[in-house]
Amino acid sequence: MIEFHATTICAVRRGPDDVAIGGDGQVTMGETAIMKNGAKKVKKIFGGSVVTGFAGSVADAFSLTDKFEKKLEEHGGNLKRAAVDLAQMWRSDKGMRSLEALMIVADKDEMLVISGNGEIIAPDHGFVAIGSGGNYAYSAANALYNHTDMTAEEIVRESLNIASSICVYTNNNITVEKL
């Protein structure tokens, strides 16, 4: 089976009014074939008050994003409660267990990473990154966050640009959504 490598996602929070999530646009098939350069892997949901980014299977991630938005509606926009419900459903539902993706979700108060293993992680710092080039973007975001006065959006863009210069599964066709 040919494996698709898709994405590097980086999120930064510099306070309730400075939150951004960005992702590159590359989707790679196997070890060498770049199938798409301009995929959009970040978006605003729940009336624009929540930003999401996903790494993994694109179809799975779209399905999870839709389910997460429904959970937000059920819980009146409570990000943590919606994340817990989604993680529980993702882990226990036979049809969802095979979904392969990671999500970063953020609102003005919180930032979380949600996985299909039932994990919900609130990062210790104001930044997080996932996906093929996640370690590179995380390292860059760490340095920029701690040693500059750059905005969340500027850190996200530069971290993804740095990751794209190192990781063959990450390109510099970057999309950023911010609150």
N, C-alpha and C. Protein backbone atom coordinates (compact mmCIF):
# COMPACT_ATOMS: atom_id res chain seq x y z
N MET A 1 0.83 -1.18 0.00
CA MET A 1 0.00 0.00 0.00
C MET A 1 0.88 1.25 0.00
N ILE A 2 0.55 2.22 -0.83
CA ILE A 2 1.30 3.45 -0.90
C ILE A 2 0.86 4.37 0.23
N GLU A 3 1.82 4.92 0.94
CA GLU A 3 1.51 5.80 2.06
C GLU A 3 1.58 7.26 1.62
N PHE A 4 0.59 8.03 2.04
CA PHE A 4 0.59 9.46 1.79
C PHE A 4 1.15 10.17 3.01
N HIS A 5 2.10 11.05 2.78
CA HIS A 5 2.62 11.89 3.85
C HIS A 5 1.99 13.25 3.64
N ALA A 6 1.36 13.73 4.66
CA ALA A 6 0.67 15.00 4.47
C ALA A 6 0.82 15.86 5.70
N THR A 7 1.65 16.86 5.59
CA THR A 7 1.47 17.99 6.45
C THR A 7 2.41 18.23 7.58
N THR A 8 2.55 19.50 7.80
CA THR A 8 3.13 20.03 9.03
C THR A 8 2.17 21.13 9.48
N ILE A 9 1.77 21.05 10.73
CA ILE A 9 0.87 22.03 11.32
C ILE A 9 1.56 22.64 12.53
N CYS A 10 1.47 23.95 12.66
CA CYS A 10 2.07 24.66 13.79
C CYS A 10 1.03 25.63 14.35
N ALA A 11 0.93 25.68 15.67
CA ALA A 11 -0.01 26.59 16.32
C ALA A 11 0.72 27.37 17.40
N VAL A 12 0.38 28.65 17.52
CA VAL A 12 1.01 29.52 18.52
C VAL A 12 -0.07 30.38 19.17
N ARG A 13 0.05 30.54 20.47
CA ARG A 13 -0.81 31.44 21.24
C ARG A 13 0.08 32.39 22.02
N ARG A 14 -0.13 33.68 21.77
CA ARG A 14 0.60 34.72 22.51
C ARG A 14 -0.36 35.47 23.43
N GLY A 15 -1.52 34.92 23.66
CA GLY A 15 -2.56 35.55 24.47
C GLY A 15 -3.90 35.35 23.80
N PRO A 16 -4.98 35.76 24.44
CA PRO A 16 -6.32 35.49 23.89
C PRO A 16 -6.58 36.20 22.56
N ASP A 17 -5.86 37.27 22.30
CA ASP A 17 -6.08 38.02 21.06
C ASP A 17 -5.00 37.77 20.01
N ASP A 18 -4.15 36.79 20.25
CA ASP A 18 -3.06 36.50 19.30
C ASP A 18 -2.86 34.99 19.22
N VAL A 19 -3.73 34.34 18.44
CA VAL A 19 -3.72 32.89 18.26
C VAL A 19 -3.70 32.61 16.76
N ALA A 20 -2.80 31.71 16.33
CA ALA A 20 -2.73 31.36 14.91
C ALA A 20 -2.38 29.88 14.75
N ILE A 21 -2.95 29.28 13.72
CA ILE A 21 -2.60 27.91 13.31
C ILE A 21 -2.30 27.97 11.82
N GLY A 22 -1.21 27.32 11.42
CA GLY A 22 -0.85 27.29 10.02
C GLY A 22 -0.43 25.90 9.59
N GLY A 23 -0.52 25.68 8.30
CA GLY A 23 -0.09 24.40 7.74
C GLY A 23 0.49 24.60 6.36
N ASP A 24 1.34 23.68 5.97
CA ASP A 24 1.89 23.73 4.62
C ASP A 24 0.87 23.12 3.67
N GLY A 25 1.17 23.14 2.38
CA GLY A 25 0.21 22.67 1.40
C GLY A 25 0.57 21.38 0.70
N GLN A 26 1.63 20.71 1.12
CA GLN A 26 2.11 19.56 0.37
C GLN A 26 1.45 18.26 0.79
N VAL A 27 1.07 17.47 -0.20
CA VAL A 27 0.64 16.09 0.01
C VAL A 27 1.55 15.23 -0.86
N THR A 28 2.25 14.29 -0.24
CA THR A 28 3.23 13.45 -0.92
C THR A 28 2.78 12.00 -0.91
N MET A 29 2.92 11.33 -2.05
CA MET A 29 2.58 9.91 -2.15
C MET A 29 3.87 9.12 -2.19
N GLY A 30 3.99 8.16 -1.29
CA GLY A 30 5.19 7.35 -1.23
C GLY A 30 6.38 8.18 -0.80
N GLU A 31 7.54 7.88 -1.35
CA GLU A 31 8.77 8.56 -0.95
C GLU A 31 9.10 9.78 -1.80
N THR A 32 8.50 9.87 -2.99
CA THR A 32 8.96 10.93 -3.89
C THR A 32 7.88 11.74 -4.61
N ALA A 33 6.71 11.19 -4.81
CA ALA A 33 5.72 11.86 -5.67
C ALA A 33 4.92 12.92 -4.91
N ILE A 34 5.11 14.17 -5.28
CA ILE A 34 4.33 15.26 -4.71
C ILE A 34 3.02 15.31 -5.49
N MET A 35 1.92 15.00 -4.80
CA MET A 35 0.61 14.93 -5.45
C MET A 35 -0.10 16.27 -5.47
N LYS A 36 0.16 17.11 -4.47
CA LYS A 36 -0.52 18.39 -4.39
C LYS A 36 0.36 19.35 -3.62
N ASN A 37 0.39 20.61 -4.08
CA ASN A 37 1.19 21.63 -3.42
C ASN A 37 0.36 22.61 -2.61
N GLY A 38 -0.94 22.68 -2.87
CA GLY A 38 -1.74 23.73 -2.25
C GLY A 38 -2.90 23.23 -1.40
N ALA A 39 -2.72 22.10 -0.72
CA ALA A 39 -3.79 21.60 0.15
C ALA A 39 -4.01 22.56 1.32
N LYS A 40 -5.26 22.70 1.73
CA LYS A 40 -5.61 23.55 2.88
C LYS A 40 -5.90 22.63 4.06
N LYS A 41 -5.11 22.76 5.11
CA LYS A 41 -5.22 21.86 6.25
C LYS A 41 -5.54 22.57 7.55
N VAL A 42 -5.89 23.84 7.44
CA VAL A 42 -6.31 24.62 8.59
C VAL A 42 -7.60 25.34 8.23
N LYS A 43 -8.46 25.53 9.23
CA LYS A 43 -9.67 26.28 8.96
C LYS A 43 -10.31 26.77 10.25
N LYS A 44 -11.16 27.78 10.09
CA LYS A 44 -11.95 28.28 11.20
C LYS A 44 -13.27 27.54 11.21
N ILE A 45 -13.74 27.23 12.42
CA ILE A 45 -15.04 26.59 12.57
C ILE A 45 -15.79 27.28 13.70
N PHE A 46 -17.00 26.84 13.94
CA PHE A 46 -17.84 27.32 15.03
C PHE A 46 -17.97 28.84 15.00
N GLY A 47 -18.39 29.31 13.85
CA GLY A 47 -18.61 30.74 13.68
C GLY A 47 -17.34 31.57 13.71
N GLY A 48 -16.21 30.95 13.41
CA GLY A 48 -14.93 31.67 13.39
C GLY A 48 -14.28 31.83 14.74
N SER A 49 -14.84 31.21 15.79
CA SER A 49 -14.26 31.36 17.14
C SER A 49 -13.28 30.25 17.50
N VAL A 50 -13.13 29.25 16.63
CA VAL A 50 -12.20 28.14 16.85
C VAL A 50 -11.41 27.93 15.57
N VAL A 51 -10.10 27.73 15.71
CA VAL A 51 -9.27 27.38 14.57
C VAL A 51 -8.79 25.95 14.75
N THR A 52 -8.69 25.23 13.62
CA THR A 52 -8.26 23.84 13.66
C THR A 52 -7.19 23.61 12.59
N GLY A 53 -6.36 22.64 12.85
CA GLY A 53 -5.38 22.18 11.88
C GLY A 53 -5.23 20.69 12.04
N PHE A 54 -4.99 19.98 10.96
CA PHE A 54 -4.90 18.54 11.06
C PHE A 54 -3.73 17.99 10.27
N ALA A 55 -3.22 16.88 10.76
CA ALA A 55 -2.17 16.13 10.07
C ALA A 55 -2.65 14.70 9.95
N GLY A 56 -2.39 14.09 8.82
CA GLY A 56 -2.80 12.72 8.59
C GLY A 56 -3.66 12.63 7.35
N SER A 57 -4.46 11.60 7.30
CA SER A 57 -5.34 11.38 6.15
C SER A 57 -6.31 12.54 6.02
N VAL A 58 -6.34 13.15 4.84
CA VAL A 58 -7.16 14.34 4.63
C VAL A 58 -8.64 14.03 4.79
N ALA A 59 -9.12 12.94 4.21
CA ALA A 59 -10.54 12.60 4.33
C ALA A 59 -10.90 12.34 5.80
N ASP A 60 -10.02 11.64 6.51
CA ASP A 60 -10.26 11.38 7.94
C ASP A 60 -10.29 12.69 8.72
N ALA A 61 -9.37 13.58 8.41
CA ALA A 61 -9.30 14.84 9.13
C ALA A 61 -10.55 15.70 8.88
N PHE A 62 -11.05 15.72 7.65
CA PHE A 62 -12.28 16.48 7.38
C PHE A 62 -13.44 15.90 8.17
N SER A 63 -13.52 14.58 8.21
CA SER A 63 -14.58 13.93 8.97
C SER A 63 -14.47 14.29 10.46
N LEU A 64 -13.26 14.25 10.99
CA LEU A 64 -13.05 14.57 12.41
C LEU A 64 -13.36 16.04 12.70
N THR A 65 -13.00 16.92 11.80
CA THR A 65 -13.28 18.34 11.99
C THR A 65 -14.79 18.57 12.05
N ASP A 66 -15.53 17.92 11.16
CA ASP A 66 -16.99 18.05 11.18
C ASP A 66 -17.57 17.51 12.49
N LYS A 67 -17.08 16.36 12.92
CA LYS A 67 -17.56 15.78 14.18
C LYS A 67 -17.19 16.68 15.36
N PHE A 68 -16.00 17.27 15.32
CA PHE A 68 -15.60 18.15 16.41
C PHE A 68 -16.50 19.39 16.47
N GLU A 69 -16.83 19.95 15.31
CA GLU A 69 -17.70 21.12 15.30
C GLU A 69 -19.08 20.78 15.88
N LYS A 70 -19.58 19.57 15.60
CA LYS A 70 -20.86 19.15 16.19
C LYS A 70 -20.74 19.02 17.70
N LYS A 71 -19.61 18.54 18.17
CA LYS A 71 -19.39 18.44 19.62
C LYS A 71 -19.32 19.83 20.25
N LEU A 72 -18.71 20.78 19.56
CA LEU A 72 -18.69 22.16 20.06
C LEU A 72 -20.11 22.69 20.20
N GLU A 73 -20.95 22.40 19.22
CA GLU A 73 -22.34 22.85 19.28
C GLU A 73 -23.06 22.21 20.46
N GLU A 74 -22.82 20.92 20.67
CA GLU A 74 -23.46 20.20 21.79
C GLU A 74 -23.05 20.79 23.14
N HIS A 75 -21.82 21.28 23.23
CA HIS A 75 -21.28 21.75 24.51
C HIS A 75 -21.16 23.27 24.58
N GLY A 76 -21.92 23.96 23.77
CA GLY A 76 -21.97 25.41 23.84
C GLY A 76 -20.62 26.09 23.62
N GLY A 77 -19.77 25.48 22.80
CA GLY A 77 -18.48 26.08 22.49
C GLY A 77 -17.37 25.74 23.47
N ASN A 78 -17.64 24.88 24.46
CA ASN A 78 -16.61 24.50 25.44
C ASN A 78 -15.60 23.58 24.76
N LEU A 79 -14.41 24.12 24.50
CA LEU A 79 -13.39 23.41 23.73
C LEU A 79 -12.98 22.09 24.39
N LYS A 80 -12.71 22.12 25.70
CA LYS A 80 -12.26 20.90 26.39
C LYS A 80 -13.32 19.82 26.40
N ARG A 81 -14.55 20.18 26.70
CA ARG A 81 -15.62 19.17 26.73
C ARG A 81 -15.83 18.58 25.35
N ALA A 82 -15.79 19.43 24.32
CA ALA A 82 -15.96 18.93 22.96
C ALA A 82 -14.80 18.00 22.58
N ALA A 83 -13.59 18.36 23.00
CA ALA A 83 -12.41 17.53 22.70
C ALA A 83 -12.50 16.18 23.41
N VAL A 84 -12.92 16.17 24.66
CA VAL A 84 -13.05 14.92 25.42
C VAL A 84 -14.09 14.02 24.75
N ASP A 85 -15.24 14.60 24.39
CA ASP A 85 -16.28 13.81 23.72
C ASP A 85 -15.80 13.25 22.39
N LEU A 86 -15.10 14.08 21.61
CA LEU A 86 -14.59 13.60 20.33
C LEU A 86 -13.59 12.48 20.53
N ALA A 87 -12.65 12.65 21.47
CA ALA A 87 -11.63 11.62 21.72
C ALA A 87 -12.27 10.32 22.19
N GLN A 88 -13.28 10.41 23.04
CA GLN A 88 -13.97 9.20 23.50
C GLN A 88 -14.67 8.50 22.34
N MET A 89 -15.36 9.28 21.52
CA MET A 89 -16.06 8.72 20.37
C MET A 89 -15.05 8.12 19.38
N TRP A 90 -13.97 8.83 19.12
CA TRP A 90 -12.94 8.40 18.18
C TRP A 90 -12.34 7.07 18.63
N ARG A 91 -12.12 6.94 19.92
CA ARG A 91 -11.49 5.74 20.44
C ARG A 91 -12.44 4.55 20.53
N SER A 92 -13.72 4.80 20.80
CA SER A 92 -14.64 3.70 21.06
C SER A 92 -15.48 3.29 19.86
N ASP A 93 -15.71 4.15 18.90
CA ASP A 93 -16.54 3.84 17.75
C ASP A 93 -15.74 3.02 16.74
N LYS A 94 -16.28 1.85 16.36
CA LYS A 94 -15.56 0.96 15.44
C LYS A 94 -15.20 1.64 14.13
N GLY A 95 -16.13 2.41 13.58
CA GLY A 95 -15.88 3.08 12.32
C GLY A 95 -14.83 4.17 12.41
N MET A 96 -14.76 4.81 13.57
CA MET A 96 -13.81 5.93 13.73
C MET A 96 -12.42 5.47 14.17
N ARG A 97 -12.32 4.29 14.78
CA ARG A 97 -11.03 3.83 15.31
C ARG A 97 -9.94 3.78 14.26
N SER A 98 -10.34 3.57 13.02
CA SER A 98 -9.34 3.45 11.95
C SER A 98 -8.95 4.80 11.36
N LEU A 99 -9.59 5.89 11.80
CA LEU A 99 -9.24 7.21 11.28
C LEU A 99 -7.83 7.58 11.72
N GLU A 100 -7.03 8.02 10.77
CA GLU A 100 -5.63 8.33 11.05
C GLU A 100 -5.37 9.81 10.87
N ALA A 101 -5.37 10.51 11.99
CA ALA A 101 -5.12 11.95 11.95
C ALA A 101 -4.82 12.44 13.36
N LEU A 102 -4.22 13.60 13.43
CA LEU A 102 -4.04 14.36 14.67
C LEU A 102 -4.64 15.72 14.41
N MET A 103 -5.20 16.33 15.45
CA MET A 103 -5.79 17.65 15.29
C MET A 103 -5.22 18.59 16.35
N ILE A 104 -5.03 19.83 15.95
CA ILE A 104 -4.79 20.91 16.91
C ILE A 104 -6.03 21.79 16.83
N VAL A 105 -6.60 22.12 17.97
CA VAL A 105 -7.75 23.01 18.03
C VAL A 105 -7.42 24.13 19.02
N ALA A 106 -7.91 25.32 18.73
CA ALA A 106 -7.64 26.44 19.63
C ALA A 106 -8.79 27.44 19.57
N ASP A 107 -9.07 28.02 20.73
CA ASP A 107 -9.98 29.16 20.80
C ASP A 107 -9.24 30.25 21.57
N LYS A 108 -9.93 31.28 22.00
CA LYS A 108 -9.26 32.40 22.67
C LYS A 108 -8.69 32.01 24.03
N ASP A 109 -9.15 30.88 24.60
CA ASP A 109 -8.72 30.48 25.94
C ASP A 109 -7.77 29.30 25.99
N GLU A 110 -7.88 28.38 25.03
CA GLU A 110 -7.13 27.13 25.11
C GLU A 110 -6.61 26.68 23.76
N MET A 111 -5.60 25.80 23.83
CA MET A 111 -5.06 25.13 22.65
C MET A 111 -4.88 23.68 23.03
N LEU A 112 -5.37 22.74 22.19
CA LEU A 112 -5.31 21.32 22.49
C LEU A 112 -4.88 20.52 21.27
N VAL A 113 -4.20 19.39 21.54
CA VAL A 113 -3.91 18.39 20.51
C VAL A 113 -4.81 17.21 20.82
N ILE A 114 -5.54 16.71 19.82
CA ILE A 114 -6.45 15.59 20.00
C ILE A 114 -5.98 14.44 19.12
N SER A 115 -5.91 13.22 19.70
CA SER A 115 -5.50 12.05 18.93
C SER A 115 -6.56 10.96 19.02
N GLY A 116 -6.47 10.00 18.12
CA GLY A 116 -7.38 8.87 18.10
C GLY A 116 -7.12 7.87 19.20
N ASN A 117 -6.04 8.04 19.94
CA ASN A 117 -5.76 7.16 21.07
C ASN A 117 -6.49 7.60 22.32
N GLY A 118 -7.29 8.64 22.18
CA GLY A 118 -8.01 9.16 23.33
C GLY A 118 -7.23 10.22 24.09
N GLU A 119 -6.13 10.64 23.54
CA GLU A 119 -5.31 11.64 24.22
C GLU A 119 -5.75 13.04 23.85
N ILE A 120 -5.79 13.89 24.86
CA ILE A 120 -6.03 15.31 24.67
C ILE A 120 -4.91 16.00 25.43
N ILE A 121 -4.09 16.70 24.70
CA ILE A 121 -2.89 17.30 25.30
C ILE A 121 -3.01 18.81 25.23
N ALA A 122 -2.89 19.45 26.38
CA ALA A 122 -2.80 20.90 26.44
C ALA A 122 -1.32 21.22 26.56
N PRO A 123 -0.72 21.80 25.54
CA PRO A 123 0.73 22.05 25.57
C PRO A 123 1.13 22.92 26.77
N ASP A 124 2.32 22.65 27.31
CA ASP A 124 2.85 23.43 28.42
C ASP A 124 3.22 24.84 28.01
N HIS A 125 3.54 25.00 26.74
CA HIS A 125 3.99 26.29 26.23
C HIS A 125 2.95 26.87 25.29
N GLY A 126 3.16 28.03 24.79
CA GLY A 126 2.22 28.67 23.90
C GLY A 126 2.38 28.27 22.45
N PHE A 127 2.94 27.10 22.19
CA PHE A 127 3.16 26.64 20.82
C PHE A 127 3.14 25.13 20.78
N VAL A 128 2.79 24.59 19.62
CA VAL A 128 2.79 23.15 19.41
C VAL A 128 2.86 22.91 17.90
N ALA A 129 3.35 21.75 17.50
CA ALA A 129 3.40 21.39 16.08
C ALA A 129 3.23 19.88 15.94
N ILE A 130 2.60 19.47 14.85
CA ILE A 130 2.36 18.05 14.56
C ILE A 130 2.66 17.79 13.09
N GLY A 131 2.72 16.51 12.74
CA GLY A 131 2.86 16.11 11.34
C GLY A 131 4.28 15.76 10.96
N SER A 132 4.46 15.55 9.68
CA SER A 132 5.75 15.09 9.14
C SER A 132 6.91 15.99 9.54
N GLY A 133 6.73 17.28 9.46
CA GLY A 133 7.77 18.23 9.82
C GLY A 133 7.53 18.88 11.18
N GLY A 134 6.68 18.26 11.98
CA GLY A 134 6.30 18.83 13.27
C GLY A 134 7.46 19.11 14.20
N ASN A 135 8.43 18.21 14.25
CA ASN A 135 9.57 18.42 15.16
C ASN A 135 10.39 19.64 14.74
N TYR A 136 10.53 19.84 13.43
CA TYR A 136 11.28 21.00 12.95
C TYR A 136 10.52 22.30 13.25
N ALA A 137 9.22 22.30 12.96
CA ALA A 137 8.41 23.49 13.22
C ALA A 137 8.34 23.79 14.71
N TYR A 138 8.25 22.75 15.52
CA TYR A 138 8.21 22.93 16.98
C TYR A 138 9.50 23.58 17.48
N SER A 139 10.62 23.08 17.01
CA SER A 139 11.91 23.65 17.43
C SER A 139 12.03 25.11 17.03
N ALA A 140 11.62 25.42 15.82
CA ALA A 140 11.68 26.81 15.35
C ALA A 140 10.72 27.68 16.16
N ALA A 141 9.51 27.20 16.40
CA ALA A 141 8.53 27.97 17.18
C ALA A 141 9.04 28.20 18.59
N ASN A 142 9.68 27.21 19.16
CA ASN A 142 10.24 27.35 20.51
C ASN A 142 11.24 28.49 20.56
N ALA A 143 12.16 28.52 19.63
CA ALA A 143 13.18 29.58 19.61
C ALA A 143 12.55 30.95 19.35
N LEU A 144 11.66 31.02 18.38
CA LEU A 144 11.06 32.30 18.03
C LEU A 144 10.14 32.81 19.14
N TYR A 145 9.40 31.93 19.75
CA TYR A 145 8.47 32.31 20.82
C TYR A 145 9.24 32.85 22.03
N ASN A 146 10.32 32.19 22.36
CA ASN A 146 11.07 32.54 23.57
C ASN A 146 12.12 33.63 23.38
N HIS A 147 12.47 33.95 22.14
CA HIS A 147 13.58 34.89 21.93
C HIS A 147 13.27 36.04 20.98
N THR A 148 11.97 36.21 20.65
CA THR A 148 11.58 37.34 19.80
C THR A 148 10.26 37.91 20.32
N ASP A 149 9.88 39.02 19.76
CA ASP A 149 8.57 39.62 20.04
C ASP A 149 7.62 39.42 18.87
N MET A 150 7.89 38.44 18.03
CA MET A 150 7.06 38.18 16.86
C MET A 150 5.64 37.82 17.29
N THR A 151 4.66 38.13 16.44
CA THR A 151 3.28 37.75 16.70
C THR A 151 3.11 36.25 16.50
N ALA A 152 1.97 35.74 16.93
CA ALA A 152 1.68 34.32 16.73
C ALA A 152 1.71 33.97 15.25
N GLU A 153 1.09 34.79 14.42
CA GLU A 153 1.08 34.51 12.98
C GLU A 153 2.49 34.52 12.40
N GLU A 154 3.31 35.48 12.79
CA GLU A 154 4.68 35.55 12.27
C GLU A 154 5.48 34.32 12.70
N ILE A 155 5.31 33.88 13.93
CA ILE A 155 6.03 32.69 14.41
C ILE A 155 5.58 31.46 13.63
N VAL A 156 4.27 31.30 13.44
CA VAL A 156 3.75 30.16 12.70
C VAL A 156 4.33 30.14 11.28
N ARG A 157 4.26 31.27 10.59
CA ARG A 157 4.78 31.33 9.21
C ARG A 157 6.27 31.00 9.14
N GLU A 158 7.06 31.62 10.01
CA GLU A 158 8.50 31.40 9.97
C GLU A 158 8.86 29.97 10.38
N SER A 159 8.17 29.43 11.37
CA SER A 159 8.43 28.05 11.79
C SER A 159 8.13 27.07 10.67
N LEU A 160 7.03 27.29 9.95
CA LEU A 160 6.71 26.41 8.82
C LEU A 160 7.68 26.60 7.66
N ASN A 161 8.14 27.83 7.43
CA ASN A 161 9.16 28.05 6.40
C ASN A 161 10.45 27.32 6.75
N ILE A 162 10.85 27.38 8.02
CA ILE A 162 12.05 26.66 8.45
C ILE A 162 11.86 25.16 8.27
N ALA A 163 10.70 24.64 8.70
CA ALA A 163 10.43 23.20 8.52
C ALA A 163 10.47 22.82 7.05
N SER A 164 9.96 23.68 6.18
CA SER A 164 9.94 23.35 4.74
C SER A 164 11.34 23.31 4.15
N SER A 165 12.29 24.01 4.78
CA SER A 165 13.66 23.99 4.27
C SER A 165 14.41 22.73 4.72
N ILE A 166 13.82 21.96 5.64
CA ILE A 166 14.47 20.78 6.20
C ILE A 166 13.74 19.49 5.82
N CYS A 167 12.41 19.51 5.91
CA CYS A 167 11.59 18.30 5.75
C CYS A 167 11.09 18.17 4.32
N VAL A 168 11.35 17.03 3.68
CA VAL A 168 10.94 16.83 2.30
C VAL A 168 9.42 16.68 2.16
N TYR A 169 8.71 16.44 3.26
CA TYR A 169 7.26 16.30 3.22
C TYR A 169 6.54 17.60 3.57
N THR A 170 7.27 18.70 3.63
CA THR A 170 6.71 20.00 3.98
C THR A 170 7.12 21.01 2.92
N ASN A 171 6.15 21.82 2.44
CA ASN A 171 6.52 22.86 1.49
C ASN A 171 6.25 24.24 2.09
N ASN A 172 6.58 25.27 1.33
CA ASN A 172 6.41 26.63 1.84
C ASN A 172 5.16 27.31 1.29
N ASN A 173 4.20 26.52 0.84
CA ASN A 173 2.89 27.03 0.44
C ASN A 173 2.02 27.00 1.71
N ILE A 174 2.10 28.06 2.49
CA ILE A 174 1.58 28.08 3.85
C ILE A 174 0.24 28.80 3.92
N THR A 175 -0.69 28.19 4.65
CA THR A 175 -1.97 28.80 4.96
C THR A 175 -2.03 29.01 6.46
N VAL A 176 -2.43 30.21 6.88
CA VAL A 176 -2.55 30.52 8.31
C VAL A 176 -3.95 31.05 8.59
N GLU A 177 -4.55 30.55 9.64
CA GLU A 177 -5.82 31.08 10.14
C GLU A 177 -5.54 31.62 11.54
N LYS A 178 -6.12 32.76 11.86
CA LYS A 178 -5.92 33.31 13.19
C LYS A 178 -7.24 33.80 13.76
N LEU A 179 -7.26 33.88 15.07
CA LEU A 179 -8.45 34.40 15.76
C LEU A 179 -8.32 35.89 15.90
